[in-house]
Amino acid sequence: MSTASNDENLEIRAFLYNASGNDAVLERDGIDIASVSDDQLLWINVSTDDDPDLRSLFEELQLPEFLVRRVEKRDERPTIEKFDDLFRFNIHSIITEKGKSPSRTAIEFIVGKNAVITIQESEISYFSEFRERDRGETHFGQLDAESFVCTLLDLHLVSYFEALEEVERKVDKLDERVLKRDLETDEFLQNMVDLRNDVSKLRRWLLPHRDVIYSLSRADFQQIAQSDSAERFRMLNQHFENAVNAIESSRDTVLSTFDLYATKAAQTMNIFIQRLTFLTLITGSLSVIAGILGMNYKVGFFDSPMGFWLTIAGMLLVGVGLTIIARFRRWI
């Protein structure tokens, strides 16, 4: 479902949604933003890491020069700007791979009347899943561009929840290892550092989006306030706060693993002390017997040729008896 492209590093997917349900996939030369009617919605998804190719596309779409310069700037922090008849902003979504630390990818949004342009360096998984899930005749054409953007931003927040699920899976796996076997301290601390870094990165990447999310939710943002999507963006604001709270909770979850490890280490130490105390009890008892028999007095027992072996056997019986009693009392 991708359109042909004349630029080597440029991949364009253009979808025209109609309120009647007659959706269409457009070729690059068939894209005309100016011809999109009020009962239609145009989504142009661009994947590129090459600025000259992107500039040529913007020229074909007859977009203002200042938009090209803003997109090429590639802000490290999410930012939003309003213009007369459109607005733009950028976000950082999360890429989650099983067993790996989360990474992020930047997405640029340009939102005009009945048209949305998204630009990123590589394909976004939730974009693909969104298209696959809603393949066929849809009624997205009934939505305005702002409502459609709200839907994509909600999926963007879901990418952070998915990353948190992977962190929690790692925490559960580490908890299981702590409970089932002894971990070397260095190995455990390295795992803890990795988990803390994952959570810290998610928090550090998500919080700057507050400027964008709050701006879209404010009453002075006319493109949103004057559309039918104002309530949707207020809900998006709540979803954002839920994501922030979830990340804060995940920090406590990671720290709870350290508490579990400390408890397991204390339990292991208690068992060691119990066994050491029991060993001291046995050796002390046997030393008492050896000391009594070593006293300087003469009895007939010392004249027996089996005296030594009888002494050893008696000491062994004492040791075995004490061990049985300790096991029965669960001292060891």
C-alpha atoms as a PDB file:
ATOM      1  CA  MET A   1       0.000   0.000   0.000  1.00  0.00           C
ATOM      2  CA  SER A   2       2.914   2.343  -0.629  1.00  0.00           C
ATOM      3  CA  THR A   3       3.129   4.745  -3.489  1.00  0.00           C
ATOM      4  CA  ALA A   4       5.887   4.792  -6.059  1.00  0.00           C
ATOM      5  CA  SER A   5       8.627   7.345  -5.483  1.00  0.00           C
ATOM      6  CA  ASN A   6      11.145   8.931  -7.798  1.00  0.00           C
ATOM      7  CA  ASP A   7      13.515   9.680  -4.914  1.00  0.00           C
ATOM      8  CA  GLU A   8      15.714   6.875  -3.717  1.00  0.00           C
ATOM      9  CA  ASN A   9      15.478   7.691   0.016  1.00  0.00           C
ATOM     10  CA  LEU A  10      11.848   8.775   0.032  1.00  0.00           C
ATOM     11  CA  GLU A  11       8.908   6.477   0.771  1.00  0.00           C
ATOM     12  CA  ILE A  12       5.433   7.981   0.585  1.00  0.00           C
ATOM     13  CA  ARG A  13       2.117   6.462   1.629  1.00  0.00           C
ATOM     14  CA  ALA A  14      -0.907   8.612   0.850  1.00  0.00           C
ATOM     15  CA  PHE A  15      -4.444   7.705   1.940  1.00  0.00           C
ATOM     16  CA  LEU A  16      -7.598   9.614   1.043  1.00  0.00           C
ATOM     17  CA  TYR A  17     -10.452   8.805   3.414  1.00  0.00           C
ATOM     18  CA  ASN A  18     -14.003   9.641   2.348  1.00  0.00           C
ATOM     19  CA  ALA A  19     -16.984  10.095   4.656  1.00  0.00           C
ATOM     20  CA  SER A  20     -18.939   7.794   2.317  1.00  0.00           C
ATOM     21  CA  GLY A  21     -16.425   5.011   2.928  1.00  0.00           C
ATOM     22  CA  ASN A  22     -14.838   5.037  -0.539  1.00  0.00           C
ATOM     23  CA  ASP A  23     -11.238   5.237   0.645  1.00  0.00           C
ATOM     24  CA  ALA A  24      -8.344   5.348  -1.811  1.00  0.00           C
ATOM     25  CA  VAL A  25      -4.570   4.913  -1.878  1.00  0.00           C
ATOM     26  CA  LEU A  26      -2.988   7.715  -3.889  1.00  0.00           C
ATOM     27  CA  GLU A  27       0.099   7.692  -6.034  1.00  0.00           C
ATOM     28  CA  ARG A  28       2.593  10.477  -5.536  1.00  0.00           C
ATOM     29  CA  ASP A  29       1.574  12.340  -8.672  1.00  0.00           C
ATOM     30  CA  GLY A  30      -2.093  12.112  -7.643  1.00  0.00           C
ATOM     31  CA  ILE A  31      -1.699  13.950  -4.327  1.00  0.00           C
ATOM     32  CA  ASP A  32      -3.430  17.332  -4.323  1.00  0.00           C
ATOM     33  CA  ILE A  33      -3.965  18.864  -0.899  1.00  0.00           C
ATOM     34  CA  ALA A  34      -5.930  21.815  -2.272  1.00  0.00           C
ATOM     35  CA  SER A  35      -8.592  19.545  -3.787  1.00  0.00           C
ATOM     36  CA  VAL A  36      -9.478  17.721  -0.548  1.00  0.00           C
ATOM     37  CA  SER A  37     -13.096  18.486   0.383  1.00  0.00           C
ATOM     38  CA  ASP A  38     -14.698  18.838   3.827  1.00  0.00           C
ATOM     39  CA  ASP A  39     -16.034  15.250   3.734  1.00  0.00           C
ATOM     40  CA  GLN A  40     -12.562  13.881   3.014  1.00  0.00           C
ATOM     41  CA  LEU A  41      -9.360  13.429   4.994  1.00  0.00           C
ATOM     42  CA  LEU A  42      -5.908  13.121   3.432  1.00  0.00           C
ATOM     43  CA  TRP A  43      -3.072  11.429   5.323  1.00  0.00           C
ATOM     44  CA  ILE A  44       0.403  11.599   3.787  1.00  0.00           C
ATOM     45  CA  ASN A  45       2.948   9.468   5.625  1.00  0.00           C
ATOM     46  CA  VAL A  46       6.554  10.086   4.574  1.00  0.00           C
ATOM     47  CA  SER A  47       9.585   8.032   5.546  1.00  0.00           C
ATOM     48  CA  THR A  48      12.917   9.653   4.743  1.00  0.00           C
ATOM     49  CA  ASP A  49      16.257  10.587   6.245  1.00  0.00           C
ATOM     50  CA  ASP A  50      17.241  12.795   3.323  1.00  0.00           C
ATOM     51  CA  ASP A  51      16.430  16.520   3.485  1.00  0.00           C
ATOM     52  CA  PRO A  52      16.851  17.284  -0.250  1.00  0.00           C
ATOM     53  CA  ASP A  53      14.279  14.613  -1.162  1.00  0.00           C
ATOM     54  CA  LEU A  54      11.905  16.001   1.443  1.00  0.00           C
ATOM     55  CA  ARG A  55      12.355  19.520   0.084  1.00  0.00           C
ATOM     56  CA  SER A  56      11.442  18.341  -3.415  1.00  0.00           C
ATOM     57  CA  LEU A  57       8.280  16.696  -2.060  1.00  0.00           C
ATOM     58  CA  PHE A  58       7.266  19.875  -0.247  1.00  0.00           C
ATOM     59  CA  GLU A  59       7.691  21.807  -3.457  1.00  0.00           C
ATOM     60  CA  GLU A  60       5.406  19.334  -5.254  1.00  0.00           C
ATOM     61  CA  LEU A  61       2.797  19.700  -2.495  1.00  0.00           C
ATOM     62  CA  GLN A  62       3.150  23.498  -2.657  1.00  0.00           C
ATOM     63  CA  LEU A  63       3.857  23.786   1.042  1.00  0.00           C
ATOM     64  CA  PRO A  64       5.405  26.994   2.451  1.00  0.00           C
ATOM     65  CA  GLU A  65       9.183  27.297   2.541  1.00  0.00           C
ATOM     66  CA  PHE A  66       9.223  27.976   6.273  1.00  0.00           C
ATOM     67  CA  LEU A  67       7.777  24.491   6.912  1.00  0.00           C
ATOM     68  CA  VAL A  68      10.697  22.925   5.064  1.00  0.00           C
ATOM     69  CA  ARG A  69      13.168  24.851   7.203  1.00  0.00           C
ATOM     70  CA  ARG A  70      11.362  23.906  10.421  1.00  0.00           C
ATOM     71  CA  VAL A  71      11.282  20.211   9.536  1.00  0.00           C
ATOM     72  CA  GLU A  72      14.948  20.247   8.528  1.00  0.00           C
ATOM     73  CA  LYS A  73      15.840  21.783  11.891  1.00  0.00           C
ATOM     74  CA  ARG A  74      14.948  18.471  13.597  1.00  0.00           C
ATOM     75  CA  ASP A  75      14.356  19.720  17.141  1.00  0.00           C
ATOM     76  CA  GLU A  76      15.687  17.482  19.875  1.00  0.00           C
ATOM     77  CA  ARG A  77      12.822  18.501  22.146  1.00  0.00           C
ATOM     78  CA  PRO A  78       9.121  18.231  21.206  1.00  0.00           C
ATOM     79  CA  THR A  79       7.912  21.645  20.034  1.00  0.00           C
ATOM     80  CA  ILE A  80       4.724  23.066  18.564  1.00  0.00           C
ATOM     81  CA  GLU A  81       4.062  26.094  16.353  1.00  0.00           C
ATOM     82  CA  LYS A  82       0.837  27.679  15.137  1.00  0.00           C
ATOM     83  CA  PHE A  83       0.392  29.431  11.816  1.00  0.00           C
ATOM     84  CA  ASP A  84      -2.581  31.009  10.060  1.00  0.00           C
ATOM     85  CA  ASP A  85      -4.257  27.930   8.626  1.00  0.00           C
ATOM     86  CA  LEU A  86      -2.091  25.078   9.919  1.00  0.00           C
ATOM     87  CA  PHE A  87       0.134  23.998  12.776  1.00  0.00           C
ATOM     88  CA  ARG A  88       3.144  21.727  13.164  1.00  0.00           C
ATOM     89  CA  PHE A  89       4.732  19.836  16.021  1.00  0.00           C
ATOM     90  CA  ASN A  90       7.175  17.007  16.564  1.00  0.00           C
ATOM     91  CA  ILE A  91       7.162  14.107  19.011  1.00  0.00           C
ATOM     92  CA  HIS A  92       9.428  11.218  19.978  1.00  0.00           C
ATOM     93  CA  SER A  93       7.779   7.805  19.883  1.00  0.00           C
ATOM     94  CA  ILE A  94       9.199   4.646  21.413  1.00  0.00           C
ATOM     95  CA  ILE A  95      10.542   1.621  19.573  1.00  0.00           C
ATOM     96  CA  THR A  96      10.263  -1.498  21.721  1.00  0.00           C
ATOM     97  CA  GLU A  97      12.096  -4.741  20.958  1.00  0.00           C
ATOM     98  CA  LYS A  98      11.900  -7.789  23.186  1.00  0.00           C
ATOM     99  CA  GLY A  99      14.942  -8.140  25.414  1.00  0.00           C
ATOM    100  CA  LYS A 100      16.385  -4.752  24.407  1.00  0.00           C
ATOM    101  CA  SER A 101      16.357  -1.291  25.907  1.00  0.00           C
ATOM    102  CA  PRO A 102      13.791   1.099  24.418  1.00  0.00           C
ATOM    103  CA  SER A 103      14.847   3.540  21.726  1.00  0.00           C
ATOM    104  CA  ARG A 104      13.077   6.554  20.281  1.00  0.00           C
ATOM    105  CA  THR A 105      12.298   7.931  16.845  1.00  0.00           C
ATOM    106  CA  ALA A 106      11.209  11.438  15.896  1.00  0.00           C
ATOM    107  CA  ILE A 107       7.950  12.128  14.048  1.00  0.00           C
ATOM    108  CA  GLU A 108       7.025  15.451  12.494  1.00  0.00           C
ATOM    109  CA  PHE A 109       3.349  16.419  12.160  1.00  0.00           C
ATOM    110  CA  ILE A 110       2.000  19.067   9.798  1.00  0.00           C
ATOM    111  CA  VAL A 111      -1.746  19.586  10.210  1.00  0.00           C
ATOM    112  CA  GLY A 112      -3.855  21.648   7.869  1.00  0.00           C
ATOM    113  CA  LYS A 113      -7.509  21.748   6.867  1.00  0.00           C
ATOM    114  CA  ASN A 114      -8.574  18.148   6.120  1.00  0.00           C
ATOM    115  CA  ALA A 115      -4.943  17.069   5.644  1.00  0.00           C
ATOM    116  CA  VAL A 116      -2.282  15.537   7.886  1.00  0.00           C
ATOM    117  CA  ILE A 117       1.362  14.980   6.946  1.00  0.00           C
ATOM    118  CA  THR A 118       3.582  12.790   9.124  1.00  0.00           C
ATOM    119  CA  ILE A 119       7.329  12.547   8.539  1.00  0.00           C
ATOM    120  CA  GLN A 120       9.751  10.118  10.146  1.00  0.00           C
ATOM    121  CA  GLU A 121      13.040   8.412   9.332  1.00  0.00           C
ATOM    122  CA  SER A 122      11.648   4.870   9.318  1.00  0.00           C
ATOM    123  CA  GLU A 123       8.287   3.131   9.375  1.00  0.00           C
ATOM    124  CA  ILE A 124       6.413   3.504  12.678  1.00  0.00           C
ATOM    125  CA  SER A 125       4.969   0.244  13.948  1.00  0.00           C
ATOM    126  CA  TYR A 126       1.708   1.708  15.277  1.00  0.00           C
ATOM    127  CA  PHE A 127       1.160   3.518  11.969  1.00  0.00           C
ATOM    128  CA  SER A 128       1.365   0.155  10.194  1.00  0.00           C
ATOM    129  CA  GLU A 129      -0.858  -1.539  12.769  1.00  0.00           C
ATOM    130  CA  PHE A 130      -3.383   1.293  12.483  1.00  0.00           C
ATOM    131  CA  ARG A 131      -3.581   0.882   8.711  1.00  0.00           C
ATOM    132  CA  GLU A 132      -3.794  -2.895   8.932  1.00  0.00           C
ATOM    133  CA  ARG A 133      -6.476  -2.820  11.612  1.00  0.00           C
ATOM    134  CA  ASP A 134      -8.645  -0.381   9.703  1.00  0.00           C
ATOM    135  CA  ARG A 135      -8.012  -1.723   6.231  1.00  0.00           C
ATOM    136  CA  GLY A 136     -10.938  -1.490   3.856  1.00  0.00           C
ATOM    137  CA  GLU A 137     -13.798   0.963   3.702  1.00  0.00           C
ATOM    138  CA  THR A 138     -13.644   3.244   6.752  1.00  0.00           C
ATOM    139  CA  HIS A 139     -15.393   6.443   7.735  1.00  0.00           C
ATOM    140  CA  PHE A 140     -12.316   8.437   8.753  1.00  0.00           C
ATOM    141  CA  GLY A 141     -13.425  11.022   6.231  1.00  0.00           C
ATOM    142  CA  GLN A 142     -16.026  12.094   8.783  1.00  0.00           C
ATOM    143  CA  LEU A 143     -13.213  13.134  11.123  1.00  0.00           C
ATOM    144  CA  ASP A 144     -11.495  16.476  10.884  1.00  0.00           C
ATOM    145  CA  ALA A 145      -7.712  16.569  10.682  1.00  0.00           C
ATOM    146  CA  GLU A 146      -7.400  17.497  14.369  1.00  0.00           C
ATOM    147  CA  SER A 147      -9.407  14.468  15.516  1.00  0.00           C
ATOM    148  CA  PHE A 148      -7.305  12.207  13.320  1.00  0.00           C
ATOM    149  CA  VAL A 149      -4.126  13.661  14.833  1.00  0.00           C
ATOM    150  CA  CYS A 150      -5.549  13.040  18.306  1.00  0.00           C
ATOM    151  CA  THR A 151      -5.980   9.369  17.389  1.00  0.00           C
ATOM    152  CA  LEU A 152      -2.355   9.102  16.233  1.00  0.00           C
ATOM    153  CA  LEU A 153      -1.122  10.860  19.380  1.00  0.00           C
ATOM    154  CA  ASP A 154      -3.073   8.425  21.516  1.00  0.00           C
ATOM    155  CA  LEU A 155      -1.283   5.574  19.734  1.00  0.00           C
ATOM    156  CA  HIS A 156       1.960   7.448  20.358  1.00  0.00           C
ATOM    157  CA  LEU A 157       1.272   7.346  24.116  1.00  0.00           C
ATOM    158  CA  VAL A 158       0.470   3.644  23.827  1.00  0.00           C
ATOM    159  CA  SER A 159       4.041   3.120  22.573  1.00  0.00           C
ATOM    160  CA  TYR A 160       5.254   4.277  26.016  1.00  0.00           C
ATOM    161  CA  PHE A 161       2.899   1.845  27.753  1.00  0.00           C
ATOM    162  CA  GLU A 162       4.245  -0.965  25.557  1.00  0.00           C
ATOM    163  CA  ALA A 163       7.789  -0.036  26.566  1.00  0.00           C
ATOM    164  CA  LEU A 164       6.724  -0.132  30.218  1.00  0.00           C
ATOM    165  CA  GLU A 165       5.283  -3.608  29.680  1.00  0.00           C
ATOM    166  CA  GLU A 166       8.704  -4.733  28.445  1.00  0.00           C
ATOM    167  CA  VAL A 167      10.359  -3.192  31.514  1.00  0.00           C
ATOM    168  CA  GLU A 168       7.908  -4.965  33.801  1.00  0.00           C
ATOM    169  CA  ARG A 169       8.573  -8.234  31.967  1.00  0.00           C
ATOM    170  CA  LYS A 170      12.293  -7.784  32.659  1.00  0.00           C
ATOM    171  CA  VAL A 171      11.545  -7.005  36.317  1.00  0.00           C
ATOM    172  CA  ASP A 172       9.447 -10.168  36.662  1.00  0.00           C
ATOM    173  CA  LYS A 173      12.208 -12.218  35.066  1.00  0.00           C
ATOM    174  CA  LEU A 174      14.804 -10.721  37.418  1.00  0.00           C
ATOM    175  CA  ASP A 175      12.546 -11.342  40.427  1.00  0.00           C
ATOM    176  CA  GLU A 176      12.223 -14.967  39.390  1.00  0.00           C
ATOM    177  CA  ARG A 177      15.995 -15.328  39.115  1.00  0.00           C
ATOM    178  CA  VAL A 178      16.448 -13.736  42.540  1.00  0.00           C
ATOM    179  CA  LEU A 179      13.985 -16.165  44.141  1.00  0.00           C
ATOM    180  CA  LYS A 180      15.130 -19.318  42.353  1.00  0.00           C
ATOM    181  CA  ARG A 181      18.895 -18.985  42.653  1.00  0.00           C
ATOM    182  CA  ASP A 182      21.635 -16.818  44.069  1.00  0.00           C
ATOM    183  CA  LEU A 183      22.804 -14.031  41.785  1.00  0.00           C
ATOM    184  CA  GLU A 184      26.258 -12.590  41.893  1.00  0.00           C
ATOM    185  CA  THR A 185      26.092  -9.087  43.325  1.00  0.00           C
ATOM    186  CA  ASP A 186      27.781  -7.540  40.301  1.00  0.00           C
ATOM    187  CA  GLU A 187      25.366  -9.265  37.911  1.00  0.00           C
ATOM    188  CA  PHE A 188      22.337  -8.181  39.926  1.00  0.00           C
ATOM    189  CA  LEU A 189      23.513  -4.576  40.210  1.00  0.00           C
ATOM    190  CA  GLN A 190      24.152  -4.411  36.470  1.00  0.00           C
ATOM    191  CA  ASN A 191      20.613  -5.625  35.801  1.00  0.00           C
ATOM    192  CA  MET A 192      19.280  -3.022  38.219  1.00  0.00           C
ATOM    193  CA  VAL A 193      21.270  -0.256  36.541  1.00  0.00           C
ATOM    194  CA  ASP A 194      19.920  -1.304  33.132  1.00  0.00           C
ATOM    195  CA  LEU A 195      16.321  -1.308  34.374  1.00  0.00           C
ATOM    196  CA  ARG A 196      16.712   2.070  36.071  1.00  0.00           C
ATOM    197  CA  ASN A 197      18.222   3.477  32.894  1.00  0.00           C
ATOM    198  CA  ASP A 198      15.289   2.171  30.826  1.00  0.00           C
ATOM    199  CA  VAL A 199      12.729   3.783  33.113  1.00  0.00           C
ATOM    200  CA  SER A 200      14.712   7.021  33.363  1.00  0.00           C
ATOM    201  CA  LYS A 201      14.956   7.259  29.580  1.00  0.00           C
ATOM    202  CA  LEU A 202      11.211   6.763  29.177  1.00  0.00           C
ATOM    203  CA  ARG A 203      10.498   9.450  31.745  1.00  0.00           C
ATOM    204  CA  ARG A 204      13.057  11.809  30.230  1.00  0.00           C
ATOM    205  CA  TRP A 205      11.603  11.293  26.744  1.00  0.00           C
ATOM    206  CA  LEU A 206       7.929  11.550  27.743  1.00  0.00           C
ATOM    207  CA  LEU A 207       7.880  14.601  30.010  1.00  0.00           C
ATOM    208  CA  PRO A 208       8.926  17.138  27.326  1.00  0.00           C
ATOM    209  CA  HIS A 209       5.758  16.191  25.406  1.00  0.00           C
ATOM    210  CA  ARG A 210       3.816  18.071  28.071  1.00  0.00           C
ATOM    211  CA  ASP A 211       4.383  21.318  26.150  1.00  0.00           C
ATOM    212  CA  VAL A 212       2.806  19.837  23.011  1.00  0.00           C
ATOM    213  CA  ILE A 213      -0.068  17.994  24.705  1.00  0.00           C
ATOM    214  CA  TYR A 214      -1.001  20.915  26.927  1.00  0.00           C
ATOM    215  CA  SER A 215      -0.800  23.379  24.033  1.00  0.00           C
ATOM    216  CA  LEU A 216      -3.195  21.278  21.973  1.00  0.00           C
ATOM    217  CA  SER A 217      -5.601  21.112  24.926  1.00  0.00           C
ATOM    218  CA  ARG A 218      -5.648  24.826  25.724  1.00  0.00           C
ATOM    219  CA  ALA A 219      -8.642  26.955  24.804  1.00  0.00           C
ATOM    220  CA  ASP A 220      -6.446  29.506  22.994  1.00  0.00           C
ATOM    221  CA  PHE A 221      -5.415  26.928  20.388  1.00  0.00           C
ATOM    222  CA  GLN A 222      -7.970  28.025  17.812  1.00  0.00           C
ATOM    223  CA  GLN A 223      -7.479  25.206  15.302  1.00  0.00           C
ATOM    224  CA  ILE A 224      -8.542  22.754  18.015  1.00  0.00           C
ATOM    225  CA  ALA A 225     -10.944  24.922  20.017  1.00  0.00           C
ATOM    226  CA  GLN A 226     -12.992  25.711  16.908  1.00  0.00           C
ATOM    227  CA  SER A 227     -13.141  22.092  15.750  1.00  0.00           C
ATOM    228  CA  ASP A 228     -15.091  19.074  16.981  1.00  0.00           C
ATOM    229  CA  SER A 229     -11.981  17.565  18.573  1.00  0.00           C
ATOM    230  CA  ALA A 230     -11.623  19.721  21.696  1.00  0.00           C
ATOM    231  CA  GLU A 231     -13.066  17.045  23.999  1.00  0.00           C
ATOM    232  CA  ARG A 232     -10.851  14.384  22.419  1.00  0.00           C
ATOM    233  CA  PHE A 233      -7.748  16.431  23.211  1.00  0.00           C
ATOM    234  CA  ARG A 234      -8.853  16.872  26.808  1.00  0.00           C
ATOM    235  CA  MET A 235      -9.059  13.090  27.019  1.00  0.00           C
ATOM    236  CA  LEU A 236      -5.615  12.883  25.395  1.00  0.00           C
ATOM    237  CA  ASN A 237      -4.315  15.139  28.139  1.00  0.00           C
ATOM    238  CA  GLN A 238      -5.625  12.665  30.736  1.00  0.00           C
ATOM    239  CA  HIS A 239      -4.017   9.764  28.870  1.00  0.00           C
ATOM    240  CA  PHE A 240      -0.725  11.649  28.952  1.00  0.00           C
ATOM    241  CA  GLU A 241      -0.958  12.088  32.714  1.00  0.00           C
ATOM    242  CA  ASN A 242      -1.778   8.384  33.043  1.00  0.00           C
ATOM    243  CA  ALA A 243       1.388   7.567  31.090  1.00  0.00           C
ATOM    244  CA  VAL A 244       3.471   9.805  33.363  1.00  0.00           C
ATOM    245  CA  ASN A 245       1.983   8.148  36.457  1.00  0.00           C
ATOM    246  CA  ALA A 246       2.634   4.703  35.000  1.00  0.00           C
ATOM    247  CA  ILE A 247       6.307   5.537  34.493  1.00  0.00           C
ATOM    248  CA  GLU A 248       6.563   6.857  38.044  1.00  0.00           C
ATOM    249  CA  SER A 249       5.011   3.610  39.303  1.00  0.00           C
ATOM    250  CA  SER A 250       7.451   1.568  37.249  1.00  0.00           C
ATOM    251  CA  ARG A 251      10.342   3.258  39.078  1.00  0.00           C
ATOM    252  CA  ASP A 252       8.910   1.929  42.345  1.00  0.00           C
ATOM    253  CA  THR A 253       8.513  -1.499  40.732  1.00  0.00           C
ATOM    254  CA  VAL A 254      12.196  -1.546  39.792  1.00  0.00           C
ATOM    255  CA  LEU A 255      13.203  -0.476  43.295  1.00  0.00           C
ATOM    256  CA  SER A 256      11.051  -3.250  44.771  1.00  0.00           C
ATOM    257  CA  THR A 257      13.356  -5.748  43.047  1.00  0.00           C
ATOM    258  CA  PHE A 258      16.251  -4.359  45.083  1.00  0.00           C
ATOM    259  CA  ASP A 259      14.176  -4.810  48.254  1.00  0.00           C
ATOM    260  CA  LEU A 260      13.484  -8.399  47.217  1.00  0.00           C
ATOM    261  CA  TYR A 261      17.182  -9.018  46.628  1.00  0.00           C
ATOM    262  CA  ALA A 262      18.067  -7.478  50.010  1.00  0.00           C
ATOM    263  CA  THR A 263      15.457  -9.664  51.718  1.00  0.00           C
ATOM    264  CA  LYS A 264      16.780 -12.759  49.943  1.00  0.00           C
ATOM    265  CA  ALA A 265      20.354 -11.829  50.917  1.00  0.00           C
ATOM    266  CA  ALA A 266      19.304 -11.340  54.553  1.00  0.00           C
ATOM    267  CA  GLN A 267      17.523 -14.697  54.528  1.00  0.00           C
ATOM    268  CA  THR A 268      20.581 -16.380  53.047  1.00  0.00           C
ATOM    269  CA  MET A 269      22.747 -14.787  55.725  1.00  0.00           C
ATOM    270  CA  ASN A 270      20.367 -15.968  58.469  1.00  0.00           C
ATOM    271  CA  ILE A 271      20.517 -19.529  57.146  1.00  0.00           C
ATOM    272  CA  PHE A 272      24.299 -19.314  57.024  1.00  0.00           C
ATOM    273  CA  ILE A 273      24.436 -18.055  60.631  1.00  0.00           C
ATOM    274  CA  GLN A 274      22.098 -20.857  61.751  1.00  0.00           C
ATOM    275  CA  ARG A 275      24.263 -23.491  60.105  1.00  0.00           C
ATOM    276  CA  LEU A 276      27.438 -21.938  61.466  1.00  0.00           C
ATOM    277  CA  THR A 277      25.923 -21.883  64.952  1.00  0.00           C
ATOM    278  CA  PHE A 278      24.901 -25.518  64.644  1.00  0.00           C
ATOM    279  CA  LEU A 279      28.400 -26.453  63.445  1.00  0.00           C
ATOM    280  CA  THR A 280      29.801 -24.637  66.482  1.00  0.00           C
ATOM    281  CA  LEU A 281      27.401 -26.597  68.702  1.00  0.00           C
ATOM    282  CA  ILE A 282      28.580 -29.945  67.294  1.00  0.00           C
ATOM    283  CA  THR A 283      32.287 -29.140  67.409  1.00  0.00           C
ATOM    284  CA  GLY A 284      31.880 -27.714  70.916  1.00  0.00           C
ATOM    285  CA  SER A 285      30.074 -30.859  72.130  1.00  0.00           C
ATOM    286  CA  LEU A 286      32.717 -33.113  70.645  1.00  0.00           C
ATOM    287  CA  SER A 287      35.459 -30.949  72.155  1.00  0.00           C
ATOM    288  CA  VAL A 288      33.856 -31.371  75.584  1.00  0.00           C
ATOM    289  CA  ILE A 289      33.873 -35.162  75.165  1.00  0.00           C
ATOM    290  CA  ALA A 290      37.487 -35.127  73.960  1.00  0.00           C
ATOM    291  CA  GLY A 291      38.452 -32.873  76.879  1.00  0.00           C
ATOM    292  CA  ILE A 292      36.831 -35.156  79.455  1.00  0.00           C
ATOM    293  CA  LEU A 293      38.557 -38.213  78.039  1.00  0.00           C
ATOM    294  CA  GLY A 294      41.845 -36.315  78.021  1.00  0.00           C
ATOM    295  CA  MET A 295      41.743 -35.642  81.766  1.00  0.00           C
ATOM    296  CA  ASN A 296      44.655 -37.044  83.779  1.00  0.00           C
ATOM    297  CA  TYR A 297      42.972 -39.970  85.521  1.00  0.00           C
ATOM    298  CA  LYS A 298      43.115 -43.739  85.002  1.00  0.00           C
ATOM    299  CA  VAL A 299      40.088 -45.932  84.267  1.00  0.00           C
ATOM    300  CA  GLY A 300      39.800 -49.408  82.814  1.00  0.00           C
ATOM    301  CA  PHE A 301      38.300 -48.020  79.599  1.00  0.00           C
ATOM    302  CA  PHE A 302      41.709 -46.699  78.534  1.00  0.00           C
ATOM    303  CA  ASP A 303      43.183 -50.197  78.682  1.00  0.00           C
ATOM    304  CA  SER A 304      40.696 -51.543  76.111  1.00  0.00           C
ATOM    305  CA  PRO A 305      42.243 -52.104  72.641  1.00  0.00           C
ATOM    306  CA  MET A 306      38.944 -50.795  71.144  1.00  0.00           C
ATOM    307  CA  GLY A 307      38.830 -47.673  73.294  1.00  0.00           C
ATOM    308  CA  PHE A 308      39.867 -45.302  70.535  1.00  0.00           C
ATOM    309  CA  TRP A 309      37.339 -46.603  68.040  1.00  0.00           C
ATOM    310  CA  LEU A 310      34.591 -46.688  70.646  1.00  0.00           C
ATOM    311  CA  THR A 311      35.316 -43.045  71.411  1.00  0.00           C
ATOM    312  CA  ILE A 312      35.144 -42.130  67.712  1.00  0.00           C
ATOM    313  CA  ALA A 313      31.880 -44.072  67.318  1.00  0.00           C
ATOM    314  CA  GLY A 314      30.387 -42.338  70.364  1.00  0.00           C
ATOM    315  CA  MET A 315      31.344 -38.926  69.042  1.00  0.00           C
ATOM    316  CA  LEU A 316      29.795 -39.765  65.672  1.00  0.00           C
ATOM    317  CA  LEU A 317      26.588 -40.861  67.368  1.00  0.00           C
ATOM    318  CA  VAL A 318      26.463 -37.594  69.287  1.00  0.00           C
ATOM    319  CA  GLY A 319      26.972 -35.639  66.037  1.00  0.00           C
ATOM    320  CA  VAL A 320      24.276 -37.632  64.213  1.00  0.00           C
ATOM    321  CA  GLY A 321      21.884 -37.295  67.118  1.00  0.00           C
ATOM    322  CA  LEU A 322      22.338 -33.533  67.272  1.00  0.00           C
ATOM    323  CA  THR A 323      21.839 -33.290  63.489  1.00  0.00           C
ATOM    324  CA  ILE A 324      18.576 -35.249  63.679  1.00  0.00           C
ATOM    325  CA  ILE A 325      17.314 -33.047  66.495  1.00  0.00           C
ATOM    326  CA  ALA A 326      18.298 -29.877  64.552  1.00  0.00           C
ATOM    327  CA  ARG A 327      16.528 -31.058  61.402  1.00  0.00           C
ATOM    328  CA  PHE A 328      13.443 -31.997  63.391  1.00  0.00           C
ATOM    329  CA  ARG A 329      13.390 -28.554  65.035  1.00  0.00           C
ATOM    330  CA  ARG A 330      14.166 -26.946  61.650  1.00  0.00           C
ATOM    331  CA  TRP A 331      17.293 -25.255  62.890  1.00  0.00           C
ATOM    332  CA  ILE A 332      19.105 -26.235  59.712  1.00  0.00           C
END
